[in-house]
Amino acid sequence: MNMQKMMQQAQQMQANMERVQKELEEKEVEAASGGGAVKVVATGGKKIKEIKISAQAVDEDDIEMLEDLVLAAVNEAITKADELASAEMAKVTGGMGLGNML
């Protein structure tokens, strides 16, 4: 394989990776904790778009529990966003593990 062809393939892969990252900003993941008492929606780009808290989760005598539920749901949403990003980048890179290059 000649060097020019390799450079073209690398440029094409980079363009595809940039496209996928933009697409990830539009995709959403949802996570919940406390049996659905707290739900978090995040983008594939790890932006939190929405947090829903059911009335049953609100107990003014136990704010710590609510804080823990929110934290757990946010962390799960970020994990799901990471997994989505890895899966989408693997489609572009052929599993070469280049998703963190951008």
C-alpha atoms as a PDB file:
ATOM      1  CA  MET A   1       0.000   0.000   0.000  1.00  0.00           C
ATOM      2  CA  ASN A   2       1.447   3.337  -0.936  1.00  0.00           C
ATOM      3  CA  MET A   3       1.771   6.272   1.418  1.00  0.00           C
ATOM      4  CA  GLN A   4      -0.680   8.499  -0.466  1.00  0.00           C
ATOM      5  CA  LYS A   5      -3.424   5.881  -0.246  1.00  0.00           C
ATOM      6  CA  MET A   6      -2.775   5.445   3.484  1.00  0.00           C
ATOM      7  CA  MET A   7      -3.026   9.206   4.007  1.00  0.00           C
ATOM      8  CA  GLN A   8      -6.315   9.337   2.094  1.00  0.00           C
ATOM      9  CA  GLN A   9      -7.719   6.513   4.211  1.00  0.00           C
ATOM     10  CA  ALA A  10      -6.586   8.240   7.408  1.00  0.00           C
ATOM     11  CA  GLN A  11      -8.215  11.505   6.316  1.00  0.00           C
ATOM     12  CA  GLN A  12     -11.419   9.691   5.437  1.00  0.00           C
ATOM     13  CA  MET A  13     -11.430   7.935   8.820  1.00  0.00           C
ATOM     14  CA  GLN A  14     -10.892  11.251  10.601  1.00  0.00           C
ATOM     15  CA  ALA A  15     -13.781  12.833   8.690  1.00  0.00           C
ATOM     16  CA  ASN A  16     -15.988   9.876   9.589  1.00  0.00           C
ATOM     17  CA  MET A  17     -15.000  10.139  13.244  1.00  0.00           C
ATOM     18  CA  GLU A  18     -15.886  13.844  13.269  1.00  0.00           C
ATOM     19  CA  ARG A  19     -19.243  13.047  11.664  1.00  0.00           C
ATOM     20  CA  VAL A  20     -19.972  10.373  14.272  1.00  0.00           C
ATOM     21  CA  GLN A  21     -19.102  12.753  17.109  1.00  0.00           C
ATOM     22  CA  LYS A  22     -21.579  15.295  15.738  1.00  0.00           C
ATOM     23  CA  GLU A  23     -24.212  12.573  15.415  1.00  0.00           C
ATOM     24  CA  LEU A  24     -23.590  11.516  19.027  1.00  0.00           C
ATOM     25  CA  GLU A  25     -24.612  14.996  20.168  1.00  0.00           C
ATOM     26  CA  GLU A  26     -28.084  14.249  18.749  1.00  0.00           C
ATOM     27  CA  LYS A  27     -28.456  10.721  20.140  1.00  0.00           C
ATOM     28  CA  GLU A  28     -29.825  10.221  23.634  1.00  0.00           C
ATOM     29  CA  VAL A  29     -29.467   7.633  26.369  1.00  0.00           C
ATOM     30  CA  GLU A  30     -31.677   7.284  29.417  1.00  0.00           C
ATOM     31  CA  ALA A  31     -30.777   5.935  32.826  1.00  0.00           C
ATOM     32  CA  ALA A  32     -32.782   5.498  35.994  1.00  0.00           C
ATOM     33  CA  SER A  33     -32.216   4.751  39.648  1.00  0.00           C
ATOM     34  CA  GLY A  34     -34.429   3.900  42.589  1.00  0.00           C
ATOM     35  CA  GLY A  35     -36.655   1.725  40.429  1.00  0.00           C
ATOM     36  CA  GLY A  36     -37.326   4.624  38.082  1.00  0.00           C
ATOM     37  CA  ALA A  37     -37.788   7.245  40.801  1.00  0.00           C
ATOM     38  CA  VAL A  38     -35.032   9.320  39.196  1.00  0.00           C
ATOM     39  CA  LYS A  39     -34.512   9.371  35.441  1.00  0.00           C
ATOM     40  CA  VAL A  40     -31.736  11.124  33.541  1.00  0.00           C
ATOM     41  CA  VAL A  41     -31.497  11.732  29.799  1.00  0.00           C
ATOM     42  CA  ALA A  42     -28.065  12.504  28.354  1.00  0.00           C
ATOM     43  CA  THR A  43     -26.682  12.905  24.854  1.00  0.00           C
ATOM     44  CA  GLY A  44     -24.007  10.683  23.404  1.00  0.00           C
ATOM     45  CA  GLY A  45     -21.748  13.702  23.935  1.00  0.00           C
ATOM     46  CA  LYS A  46     -22.318  13.445  27.711  1.00  0.00           C
ATOM     47  CA  LYS A  47     -24.557  16.496  28.050  1.00  0.00           C
ATOM     48  CA  ILE A  48     -27.340  16.052  30.598  1.00  0.00           C
ATOM     49  CA  LYS A  49     -30.572  17.102  28.897  1.00  0.00           C
ATOM     50  CA  GLU A  50     -33.187  16.176  31.436  1.00  0.00           C
ATOM     51  CA  ILE A  51     -33.637  14.977  35.005  1.00  0.00           C
ATOM     52  CA  LYS A  52     -37.035  13.704  36.167  1.00  0.00           C
ATOM     53  CA  ILE A  53     -37.726  13.032  39.839  1.00  0.00           C
ATOM     54  CA  SER A  54     -40.931  11.303  40.898  1.00  0.00           C
ATOM     55  CA  ALA A  55     -42.834  12.652  43.873  1.00  0.00           C
ATOM     56  CA  GLN A  56     -42.215   9.378  45.750  1.00  0.00           C
ATOM     57  CA  ALA A  57     -38.473  10.067  45.682  1.00  0.00           C
ATOM     58  CA  VAL A  58     -38.873  13.384  47.491  1.00  0.00           C
ATOM     59  CA  ASP A  59     -38.686  13.014  51.261  1.00  0.00           C
ATOM     60  CA  GLU A  60     -37.610  16.170  53.036  1.00  0.00           C
ATOM     61  CA  ASP A  61     -36.415  14.035  55.950  1.00  0.00           C
ATOM     62  CA  ASP A  62     -34.053  12.063  53.680  1.00  0.00           C
ATOM     63  CA  ILE A  63     -32.499  14.454  51.168  1.00  0.00           C
ATOM     64  CA  GLU A  64     -29.344  12.305  51.101  1.00  0.00           C
ATOM     65  CA  MET A  65     -31.252   9.422  49.527  1.00  0.00           C
ATOM     66  CA  LEU A  66     -32.505  11.691  46.736  1.00  0.00           C
ATOM     67  CA  GLU A  67     -29.005  13.050  46.189  1.00  0.00           C
ATOM     68  CA  ASP A  68     -27.684   9.477  45.942  1.00  0.00           C
ATOM     69  CA  LEU A  69     -30.412   8.524  43.455  1.00  0.00           C
ATOM     70  CA  VAL A  70     -29.660  11.545  41.264  1.00  0.00           C
ATOM     71  CA  LEU A  71     -25.930  10.851  41.397  1.00  0.00           C
ATOM     72  CA  ALA A  72     -26.431   7.184  40.513  1.00  0.00           C
ATOM     73  CA  ALA A  73     -28.701   7.994  37.571  1.00  0.00           C
ATOM     74  CA  VAL A  74     -26.348  10.679  36.219  1.00  0.00           C
ATOM     75  CA  ASN A  75     -23.349   8.366  36.473  1.00  0.00           C
ATOM     76  CA  GLU A  76     -25.247   5.569  34.721  1.00  0.00           C
ATOM     77  CA  ALA A  77     -26.297   7.957  31.942  1.00  0.00           C
ATOM     78  CA  ILE A  78     -22.674   9.017  31.432  1.00  0.00           C
ATOM     79  CA  THR A  79     -21.601   5.364  31.333  1.00  0.00           C
ATOM     80  CA  LYS A  80     -24.275   4.633  28.725  1.00  0.00           C
ATOM     81  CA  ALA A  81     -23.150   7.660  26.700  1.00  0.00           C
ATOM     82  CA  ASP A  82     -19.559   6.351  26.814  1.00  0.00           C
ATOM     83  CA  GLU A  83     -20.722   2.918  25.667  1.00  0.00           C
ATOM     84  CA  LEU A  84     -22.747   4.467  22.832  1.00  0.00           C
ATOM     85  CA  ALA A  85     -19.772   6.575  21.729  1.00  0.00           C
ATOM     86  CA  SER A  86     -17.436   3.566  21.812  1.00  0.00           C
ATOM     87  CA  ALA A  87     -19.841   1.459  19.771  1.00  0.00           C
ATOM     88  CA  GLU A  88     -20.373   4.196  17.177  1.00  0.00           C
ATOM     89  CA  MET A  89     -16.644   4.940  16.865  1.00  0.00           C
ATOM     90  CA  ALA A  90     -15.853   1.235  16.522  1.00  0.00           C
ATOM     91  CA  LYS A  91     -18.058   1.203  13.422  1.00  0.00           C
ATOM     92  CA  VAL A  92     -15.869   3.912  11.883  1.00  0.00           C
ATOM     93  CA  THR A  93     -12.465   2.756  13.066  1.00  0.00           C
ATOM     94  CA  GLY A  94     -13.045  -0.939  12.516  1.00  0.00           C
ATOM     95  CA  GLY A  95     -12.352  -1.583  16.193  1.00  0.00           C
ATOM     96  CA  MET A  96      -8.889  -0.023  16.037  1.00  0.00           C
ATOM     97  CA  GLY A  97      -9.512   1.869  19.293  1.00  0.00           C
ATOM     98  CA  LEU A  98      -8.993   5.312  17.794  1.00  0.00           C
ATOM     99  CA  GLY A  99     -12.110   6.883  19.319  1.00  0.00           C
ATOM    100  CA  ASN A 100     -10.137   9.020  21.789  1.00  0.00           C
ATOM    101  CA  MET A 101      -7.976  10.659  19.125  1.00  0.00           C
ATOM    102  CA  LEU A 102     -10.395  13.572  18.560  1.00  0.00           C
END
